[in-house]
């Protein structure tokens, strides 16, 4: 059973949401309903494909080097 809900949003946000809804052929109510369904479900399983889920955790990243050091090494390998 559908129940009415009143939301207060910024005018620009409403404008953007209406444009998005029109482009995607969905109502604003439909967008909000889908958003809350995704929030209340296990969103991690909802968005990750089975192959990605299976492969996750295979690669390990070095945590001993800083991002700057890793970038420097990659650039040196590429350009030197």
PDB file of N, CA and C in Angstrom:
ATOM      1  N   UNK A   1       0.844  -1.179   0.000  1.00  0.00           N
ATOM      2  CA  UNK A   1       0.000   0.000   0.000  1.00  0.00           C
ATOM      3  C   UNK A   1       0.886   1.238   0.000  1.00  0.00           C
ATOM      4  N   UNK A   2       0.639   2.138  -0.912  1.00  0.00           N
ATOM      5  CA  UNK A   2       1.411   3.371  -1.023  1.00  0.00           C
ATOM      6  C   UNK A   2       0.943   4.372   0.029  1.00  0.00           C
ATOM      7  N   UNK A   3       1.895   5.067   0.626  1.00  0.00           N
ATOM      8  CA  UNK A   3       1.620   6.093   1.625  1.00  0.00           C
ATOM      9  C   UNK A   3       2.355   7.351   1.224  1.00  0.00           C
ATOM     10  N   UNK A   4       1.734   8.483   1.436  1.00  0.00           N
ATOM     11  CA  UNK A   4       2.323   9.757   1.043  1.00  0.00           C
ATOM     12  C   UNK A   4       3.426  10.172   2.019  1.00  0.00           C
ATOM     13  N   UNK A   5       4.499  10.737   1.479  1.00  0.00           N
ATOM     14  CA  UNK A   5       5.629  11.218   2.260  1.00  0.00           C
ATOM     15  C   UNK A   5       6.001  12.596   1.734  1.00  0.00           C
ATOM     16  N   UNK A   6       6.182  13.548   2.609  1.00  0.00           N
ATOM     17  CA  UNK A   6       6.586  14.890   2.206  1.00  0.00           C
ATOM     18  C   UNK A   6       8.055  15.087   2.541  1.00  0.00           C
ATOM     19  N   UNK A   7       8.840  15.516   1.544  1.00  0.00           N
ATOM     20  CA  UNK A   7      10.256  15.768   1.728  1.00  0.00           C
ATOM     21  C   UNK A   7      10.542  17.240   1.480  1.00  0.00           C
ATOM     22  N   UNK A   8      11.499  17.787   2.205  1.00  0.00           N
ATOM     23  CA  UNK A   8      11.931  19.164   1.991  1.00  0.00           C
ATOM     24  C   UNK A   8      13.356  19.119   1.468  1.00  0.00           C
ATOM     25  N   UNK A   9      13.535  19.637   0.246  1.00  0.00           N
ATOM     26  CA  UNK A   9      14.846  19.612  -0.398  1.00  0.00           C
ATOM     27  C   UNK A   9      15.153  20.973  -1.004  1.00  0.00           C
ATOM     28  N   UNK A  10      16.431  21.192  -1.264  1.00  0.00           N
ATOM     29  CA  UNK A  10      16.887  22.392  -1.941  1.00  0.00           C
ATOM     30  C   UNK A  10      16.293  22.448  -3.359  1.00  0.00           C
ATOM     31  N   UNK A  11      15.937  23.646  -3.839  1.00  0.00           N
ATOM     32  CA  UNK A  11      15.322  23.783  -5.165  1.00  0.00           C
ATOM     33  C   UNK A  11      16.198  23.195  -6.265  1.00  0.00           C
ATOM     34  N   UNK A  12      17.498  23.429  -6.191  1.00  0.00           N
ATOM     35  CA  UNK A  12      18.408  22.924  -7.217  1.00  0.00           C
ATOM     36  C   UNK A  12      18.448  21.396  -7.199  1.00  0.00           C
ATOM     37  N   UNK A  13      18.401  20.816  -6.015  1.00  0.00           N
ATOM     38  CA  UNK A  13      18.391  19.358  -5.890  1.00  0.00           C
ATOM     39  C   UNK A  13      17.130  18.784  -6.531  1.00  0.00           C
ATOM     40  N   UNK A  14      16.014  19.427  -6.298  1.00  0.00           N
ATOM     41  CA  UNK A  14      14.745  18.978  -6.887  1.00  0.00           C
ATOM     42  C   UNK A  14      14.812  19.064  -8.409  1.00  0.00           C
ATOM     43  N   UNK A  15      15.355  20.163  -8.915  1.00  0.00           N
ATOM     44  CA  UNK A  15      15.476  20.350 -10.362  1.00  0.00           C
ATOM     45  C   UNK A  15      16.326  19.234 -10.975  1.00  0.00           C
ATOM     46  N   UNK A  16      17.463  18.960 -10.357  1.00  0.00           N
ATOM     47  CA  UNK A  16      18.358  17.911 -10.854  1.00  0.00           C
ATOM     48  C   UNK A  16      17.679  16.548 -10.789  1.00  0.00           C
ATOM     49  N   UNK A  17      16.975  16.291  -9.695  1.00  0.00           N
ATOM     50  CA  UNK A  17      16.285  15.003  -9.524  1.00  0.00           C
ATOM     51  C   UNK A  17      15.194  14.819 -10.578  1.00  0.00           C
ATOM     52  N   UNK A  18      14.447  15.887 -10.860  1.00  0.00           N
ATOM     53  CA  UNK A  18      13.395  15.808 -11.877  1.00  0.00           C
ATOM     54  C   UNK A  18      13.985  15.542 -13.257  1.00  0.00           C
ATOM     55  N   UNK A  19      15.105  16.186 -13.574  1.00  0.00           N
ATOM     56  CA  UNK A  19      15.764  15.959 -14.863  1.00  0.00           C
ATOM     57  C   UNK A  19      16.251  14.515 -14.965  1.00  0.00           C
ATOM     58  N   UNK A  20      16.842  14.028 -13.886  1.00  0.00           N
ATOM     59  CA  UNK A  20      17.315  12.646 -13.859  1.00  0.00           C
ATOM     60  C   UNK A  20      16.145  11.676 -14.057  1.00  0.00           C
ATOM     61  N   UNK A  21      15.059  11.926 -13.341  1.00  0.00           N
ATOM     62  CA  UNK A  21      13.889  11.061 -13.429  1.00  0.00           C
ATOM     63  C   UNK A  21      13.338  11.040 -14.852  1.00  0.00           C
ATOM     64  N   UNK A  22      13.279  12.191 -15.473  1.00  0.00           N
ATOM     65  CA  UNK A  22      12.755  12.274 -16.838  1.00  0.00           C
ATOM     66  C   UNK A  22      13.650  11.512 -17.814  1.00  0.00           C
ATOM     67  N   UNK A  23      14.970  11.698 -17.679  1.00  0.00           N
ATOM     68  CA  UNK A  23      15.918  10.999 -18.563  1.00  0.00           C
ATOM     69  C   UNK A  23      15.832   9.489 -18.406  1.00  0.00           C
ATOM     70  N   UNK A  24      15.536   9.036 -17.196  1.00  0.00           N
ATOM     71  CA  UNK A  24      15.521   7.601 -16.910  1.00  0.00           C
ATOM     72  C   UNK A  24      14.127   7.002 -16.848  1.00  0.00           C
ATOM     73  N   UNK A  25      13.140   7.804 -17.226  1.00  0.00           N
ATOM     74  CA  UNK A  25      11.749   7.329 -17.296  1.00  0.00           C
ATOM     75  C   UNK A  25      11.283   6.681 -15.994  1.00  0.00           C
ATOM     76  N   UNK A  26      11.508   7.404 -14.901  1.00  0.00           N
ATOM     77  CA  UNK A  26      11.090   6.938 -13.578  1.00  0.00           C
ATOM     78  C   UNK A  26      10.566   8.132 -12.789  1.00  0.00           C
ATOM     79  N   UNK A  27       9.644   7.906 -11.896  1.00  0.00           N
ATOM     80  CA  UNK A  27       9.105   8.999 -11.089  1.00  0.00           C
ATOM     81  C   UNK A  27      10.049   9.330  -9.938  1.00  0.00           C
ATOM     82  N   UNK A  28       9.918  10.529  -9.392  1.00  0.00           N
ATOM     83  CA  UNK A  28      10.708  10.883  -8.216  1.00  0.00           C
ATOM     84  C   UNK A  28      10.389   9.949  -7.062  1.00  0.00           C
ATOM     85  N   UNK A  29       9.127   9.605  -6.914  1.00  0.00           N
ATOM     86  CA  UNK A  29       8.740   8.661  -5.864  1.00  0.00           C
ATOM     87  C   UNK A  29       9.434   7.326  -6.060  1.00  0.00           C
ATOM     88  N   UNK A  30       9.531   6.886  -7.317  1.00  0.00           N
ATOM     89  CA  UNK A  30      10.197   5.629  -7.617  1.00  0.00           C
ATOM     90  C   UNK A  30      11.671   5.675  -7.256  1.00  0.00           C
ATOM     91  N   UNK A  31      12.316   6.826  -7.514  1.00  0.00           N
ATOM     92  CA  UNK A  31      13.730   6.975  -7.177  1.00  0.00           C
ATOM     93  C   UNK A  31      13.922   6.891  -5.666  1.00  0.00           C
ATOM     94  N   UNK A  32      13.099   7.621  -4.926  1.00  0.00           N
ATOM     95  CA  UNK A  32      13.213   7.634  -3.462  1.00  0.00           C
ATOM     96  C   UNK A  32      12.932   6.244  -2.897  1.00  0.00           C
ATOM     97  N   UNK A  33      11.919   5.573  -3.419  1.00  0.00           N
ATOM     98  CA  UNK A  33      11.584   4.231  -2.945  1.00  0.00           C
ATOM     99  C   UNK A  33      12.744   3.266  -3.203  1.00  0.00           C
ATOM    100  N   UNK A  34      13.310   3.313  -4.404  1.00  0.00           N
ATOM    101  CA  UNK A  34      14.430   2.441  -4.731  1.00  0.00           C
ATOM    102  C   UNK A  34      15.624   2.739  -3.834  1.00  0.00           C
ATOM    103  N   UNK A  35      15.882   4.017  -3.585  1.00  0.00           N
ATOM    104  CA  UNK A  35      16.995   4.419  -2.722  1.00  0.00           C
ATOM    105  C   UNK A  35      16.850   3.807  -1.328  1.00  0.00           C
ATOM    106  N   UNK A  36      15.659   3.916  -0.745  1.00  0.00           N
ATOM    107  CA  UNK A  36      15.451   3.364   0.595  1.00  0.00           C
ATOM    108  C   UNK A  36      15.495   1.843   0.600  1.00  0.00           C
ATOM    109  N   UNK A  37      15.052   1.212  -0.470  1.00  0.00           N
ATOM    110  CA  UNK A  37      15.144  -0.247  -0.553  1.00  0.00           C
ATOM    111  C   UNK A  37      16.595  -0.690  -0.581  1.00  0.00           C
ATOM    112  N   UNK A  38      17.425   0.026  -1.352  1.00  0.00           N
ATOM    113  CA  UNK A  38      18.842  -0.312  -1.433  1.00  0.00           C
ATOM    114  C   UNK A  38      19.506  -0.088  -0.081  1.00  0.00           C
ATOM    115  N   UNK A  39      19.166   1.011   0.593  1.00  0.00           N
ATOM    116  CA  UNK A  39      19.746   1.289   1.907  1.00  0.00           C
ATOM    117  C   UNK A  39      19.407   0.204   2.913  1.00  0.00           C
ATOM    118  N   UNK A  40      18.189  -0.285   2.860  1.00  0.00           N
ATOM    119  CA  UNK A  40      17.749  -1.245   3.861  1.00  0.00           C
ATOM    120  C   UNK A  40      18.135  -2.684   3.519  1.00  0.00           C
ATOM    121  N   UNK A  41      18.560  -2.927   2.274  1.00  0.00           N
ATOM    122  CA  UNK A  41      18.984  -4.278   1.902  1.00  0.00           C
ATOM    123  C   UNK A  41      20.483  -4.392   2.084  1.00  0.00           C
ATOM    124  N   UNK A  42      21.008  -5.536   1.775  1.00  0.00           N
ATOM    125  CA  UNK A  42      22.448  -5.731   1.825  1.00  0.00           C
ATOM    126  C   UNK A  42      23.022  -5.122   0.554  1.00  0.00           C
ATOM    127  N   UNK A  43      23.306  -3.830   0.577  1.00  0.00           N
ATOM    128  CA  UNK A  43      23.733  -3.092  -0.612  1.00  0.00           C
ATOM    129  C   UNK A  43      25.021  -3.650  -1.194  1.00  0.00           C
ATOM    130  N   UNK A  44      25.892  -4.180  -0.368  1.00  0.00           N
ATOM    131  CA  UNK A  44      27.159  -4.731  -0.860  1.00  0.00           C
ATOM    132  C   UNK A  44      26.901  -5.869  -1.844  1.00  0.00           C
ATOM    133  N   UNK A  45      26.016  -6.788  -1.498  1.00  0.00           N
ATOM    134  CA  UNK A  45      25.701  -7.885  -2.398  1.00  0.00           C
ATOM    135  C   UNK A  45      24.903  -7.408  -3.608  1.00  0.00           C
ATOM    136  N   UNK A  46      24.142  -6.352  -3.445  1.00  0.00           N
ATOM    137  CA  UNK A  46      23.299  -5.821  -4.511  1.00  0.00           C
ATOM    138  C   UNK A  46      24.141  -5.238  -5.641  1.00  0.00           C
ATOM    139  N   UNK A  47      25.260  -4.624  -5.327  1.00  0.00           N
ATOM    140  CA  UNK A  47      26.033  -3.904  -6.320  1.00  0.00           C
ATOM    141  C   UNK A  47      27.222  -4.686  -6.875  1.00  0.00           C
ATOM    142  N   UNK A  48      27.704  -5.669  -6.180  1.00  0.00           N
ATOM    143  CA  UNK A  48      28.908  -6.371  -6.600  1.00  0.00           C
ATOM    144  C   UNK A  48      28.528  -7.627  -7.377  1.00  0.00           C
ATOM    145  N   UNK A  49      29.096  -7.743  -8.570  1.00  0.00           N
ATOM    146  CA  UNK A  49      28.793  -8.914  -9.393  1.00  0.00           C
ATOM    147  C   UNK A  49      29.443 -10.156  -8.787  1.00  0.00           C
ATOM    148  N   UNK A  50      28.937 -11.340  -9.112  1.00  0.00           N
ATOM    149  CA  UNK A  50      29.494 -12.575  -8.552  1.00  0.00           C
ATOM    150  C   UNK A  50      30.983 -12.751  -8.871  1.00  0.00           C
ATOM    151  N   UNK A  51      31.399 -12.373 -10.069  1.00  0.00           N
ATOM    152  CA  UNK A  51      32.812 -12.521 -10.430  1.00  0.00           C
ATOM    153  C   UNK A  51      33.674 -11.601  -9.578  1.00  0.00           C
ATOM    154  N   UNK A  52      33.246 -10.364  -9.421  1.00  0.00           N
ATOM    155  CA  UNK A  52      33.991  -9.415  -8.602  1.00  0.00           C
ATOM    156  C   UNK A  52      34.053  -9.896  -7.161  1.00  0.00           C
ATOM    157  N   UNK A  53      32.938 -10.374  -6.635  1.00  0.00           N
ATOM    158  CA  UNK A  53      32.894 -10.874  -5.259  1.00  0.00           C
ATOM    159  C   UNK A  53      33.861 -12.047  -5.092  1.00  0.00           C
ATOM    160  N   UNK A  54      33.907 -12.934  -6.103  1.00  0.00           N
ATOM    161  CA  UNK A  54      34.781 -14.103  -6.037  1.00  0.00           C
ATOM    162  C   UNK A  54      36.259 -13.696  -6.075  1.00  0.00           C
ATOM    163  N   UNK A  55      36.579 -12.676  -6.857  1.00  0.00           N
ATOM    164  CA  UNK A  55      37.969 -12.257  -7.014  1.00  0.00           C
ATOM    165  C   UNK A  55      38.448 -11.308  -5.918  1.00  0.00           C
ATOM    166  N   UNK A  56      37.524 -10.755  -5.163  1.00  0.00           N
ATOM    167  CA  UNK A  56      37.945  -9.799  -4.141  1.00  0.00           C
ATOM    168  C   UNK A  56      38.790 -10.493  -3.082  1.00  0.00           C
ATOM    169  N   UNK A  57      39.850  -9.802  -2.675  1.00  0.00           N
ATOM    170  CA  UNK A  57      40.739 -10.337  -1.666  1.00  0.00           C
ATOM    171  C   UNK A  57      41.915 -11.116  -2.222  1.00  0.00           C
ATOM    172  N   UNK A  58      41.941 -11.364  -3.531  1.00  0.00           N
ATOM    173  CA  UNK A  58      43.041 -12.120  -4.119  1.00  0.00           C
ATOM    174  C   UNK A  58      44.327 -11.283  -4.108  1.00  0.00           C
ATOM    175  N   UNK A  59      44.224 -10.028  -4.512  1.00  0.00           N
ATOM    176  CA  UNK A  59      45.400  -9.154  -4.559  1.00  0.00           C
ATOM    177  C   UNK A  59      45.605  -8.505  -3.198  1.00  0.00           C
ATOM    178  N   UNK A  60      46.862  -8.362  -2.841  1.00  0.00           N
ATOM    179  CA  UNK A  60      47.150  -7.651  -1.597  1.00  0.00           C
ATOM    180  C   UNK A  60      48.027  -6.457  -1.924  1.00  0.00           C
ATOM    181  N   UNK A  61      47.778  -5.366  -1.272  1.00  0.00           N
ATOM    182  CA  UNK A  61      48.535  -4.152  -1.485  1.00  0.00           C
ATOM    183  C   UNK A  61      49.550  -3.984  -0.377  1.00  0.00           C
ATOM    184  N   UNK A  62      50.699  -3.490  -0.746  1.00  0.00           N
ATOM    185  CA  UNK A  62      51.736  -3.226   0.241  1.00  0.00           C
ATOM    186  C   UNK A  62      51.320  -2.046   1.100  1.00  0.00           C
ATOM    187  N   UNK A  63      51.318  -2.236   2.389  1.00  0.00           N
ATOM    188  CA  UNK A  63      50.955  -1.147   3.292  1.00  0.00           C
ATOM    189  C   UNK A  63      52.182  -0.525   3.943  1.00  0.00           C
ATOM    190  N   UNK A  64      53.352  -1.002   3.543  1.00  0.00           N
ATOM    191  CA  UNK A  64      54.568  -0.474   4.158  1.00  0.00           C
ATOM    192  C   UNK A  64      55.062   0.782   3.464  1.00  0.00           C
ATOM    193  N   UNK A  65      54.612   1.036   2.237  1.00  0.00           N
ATOM    194  CA  UNK A  65      55.047   2.213   1.492  1.00  0.00           C
ATOM    195  C   UNK A  65      53.918   3.230   1.408  1.00  0.00           C
ATOM    196  N   UNK A  66      54.292   4.494   1.387  1.00  0.00           N
ATOM    197  CA  UNK A  66      53.300   5.551   1.277  1.00  0.00           C
ATOM    198  C   UNK A  66      52.837   5.672  -0.178  1.00  0.00           C
ATOM    199  N   UNK A  67      51.731   6.350  -0.390  1.00  0.00           N
ATOM    200  CA  UNK A  67      51.230   6.578  -1.740  1.00  0.00           C
ATOM    201  C   UNK A  67      52.270   7.312  -2.583  1.00  0.00           C
ATOM    202  N   UNK A  68      52.962   8.249  -1.961  1.00  0.00           N
ATOM    203  CA  UNK A  68      53.987   9.019  -2.670  1.00  0.00           C
ATOM    204  C   UNK A  68      55.114   8.101  -3.148  1.00  0.00           C
ATOM    205  N   UNK A  69      55.540   7.191  -2.290  1.00  0.00           N
ATOM    206  CA  UNK A  69      56.604   6.262  -2.661  1.00  0.00           C
ATOM    207  C   UNK A  69      56.159   5.320  -3.781  1.00  0.00           C
ATOM    208  N   UNK A  70      54.947   4.818  -3.695  1.00  0.00           N
ATOM    209  CA  UNK A  70      54.427   3.937  -4.734  1.00  0.00           C
ATOM    210  C   UNK A  70      54.328   4.656  -6.071  1.00  0.00           C
ATOM    211  N   UNK A  71      53.861   5.905  -6.056  1.00  0.00           N
ATOM    212  CA  UNK A  71      53.752   6.692  -7.276  1.00  0.00           C
ATOM    213  C   UNK A  71      55.133   6.950  -7.865  1.00  0.00           C
ATOM    214  N   UNK A  72      56.091   7.299  -7.017  1.00  0.00           N
ATOM    215  CA  UNK A  72      57.452   7.562  -7.477  1.00  0.00           C
ATOM    216  C   UNK A  72      58.045   6.331  -8.147  1.00  0.00           C
ATOM    217  N   UNK A  73      57.858   5.148  -7.552  1.00  0.00           N
ATOM    218  CA  UNK A  73      58.365   3.917  -8.143  1.00  0.00           C
ATOM    219  C   UNK A  73      57.718   3.633  -9.494  1.00  0.00           C
ATOM    220  N   UNK A  74      56.419   3.823  -9.583  1.00  0.00           N
ATOM    221  CA  UNK A  74      55.704   3.560 -10.840  1.00  0.00           C
ATOM    222  C   UNK A  74      56.187   4.511 -11.936  1.00  0.00           C
ATOM    223  N   UNK A  75      56.376   5.771 -11.583  1.00  0.00           N
ATOM    224  CA  UNK A  75      56.846   6.744 -12.581  1.00  0.00           C
ATOM    225  C   UNK A  75      58.273   6.437 -13.007  1.00  0.00           C
ATOM    226  N   UNK A  76      59.115   6.034 -12.070  1.00  0.00           N
ATOM    227  CA  UNK A  76      60.486   5.673 -12.419  1.00  0.00           C
ATOM    228  C   UNK A  76      60.534   4.466 -13.354  1.00  0.00           C
ATOM    229  N   UNK A  77      59.720   3.470 -13.096  1.00  0.00           N
ATOM    230  CA  UNK A  77      59.675   2.293 -13.957  1.00  0.00           C
ATOM    231  C   UNK A  77      59.204   2.665 -15.363  1.00  0.00           C
ATOM    232  N   UNK A  78      58.272   3.577 -15.439  1.00  0.00           N
ATOM    233  CA  UNK A  78      57.702   3.929 -16.728  1.00  0.00           C
ATOM    234  C   UNK A  78      58.616   4.841 -17.545  1.00  0.00           C
ATOM    235  N   UNK A  79      59.239   5.813 -16.900  1.00  0.00           N
ATOM    236  CA  UNK A  79      59.965   6.827 -17.652  1.00  0.00           C
ATOM    237  C   UNK A  79      61.480   6.743 -17.564  1.00  0.00           C
ATOM    238  N   UNK A  80      62.027   5.878 -16.751  1.00  0.00           N
ATOM    239  CA  UNK A  80      63.491   5.773 -16.655  1.00  0.00           C
ATOM    240  C   UNK A  80      64.001   4.476 -17.208  1.00  0.00           C
TER     241      UNK A  80
END
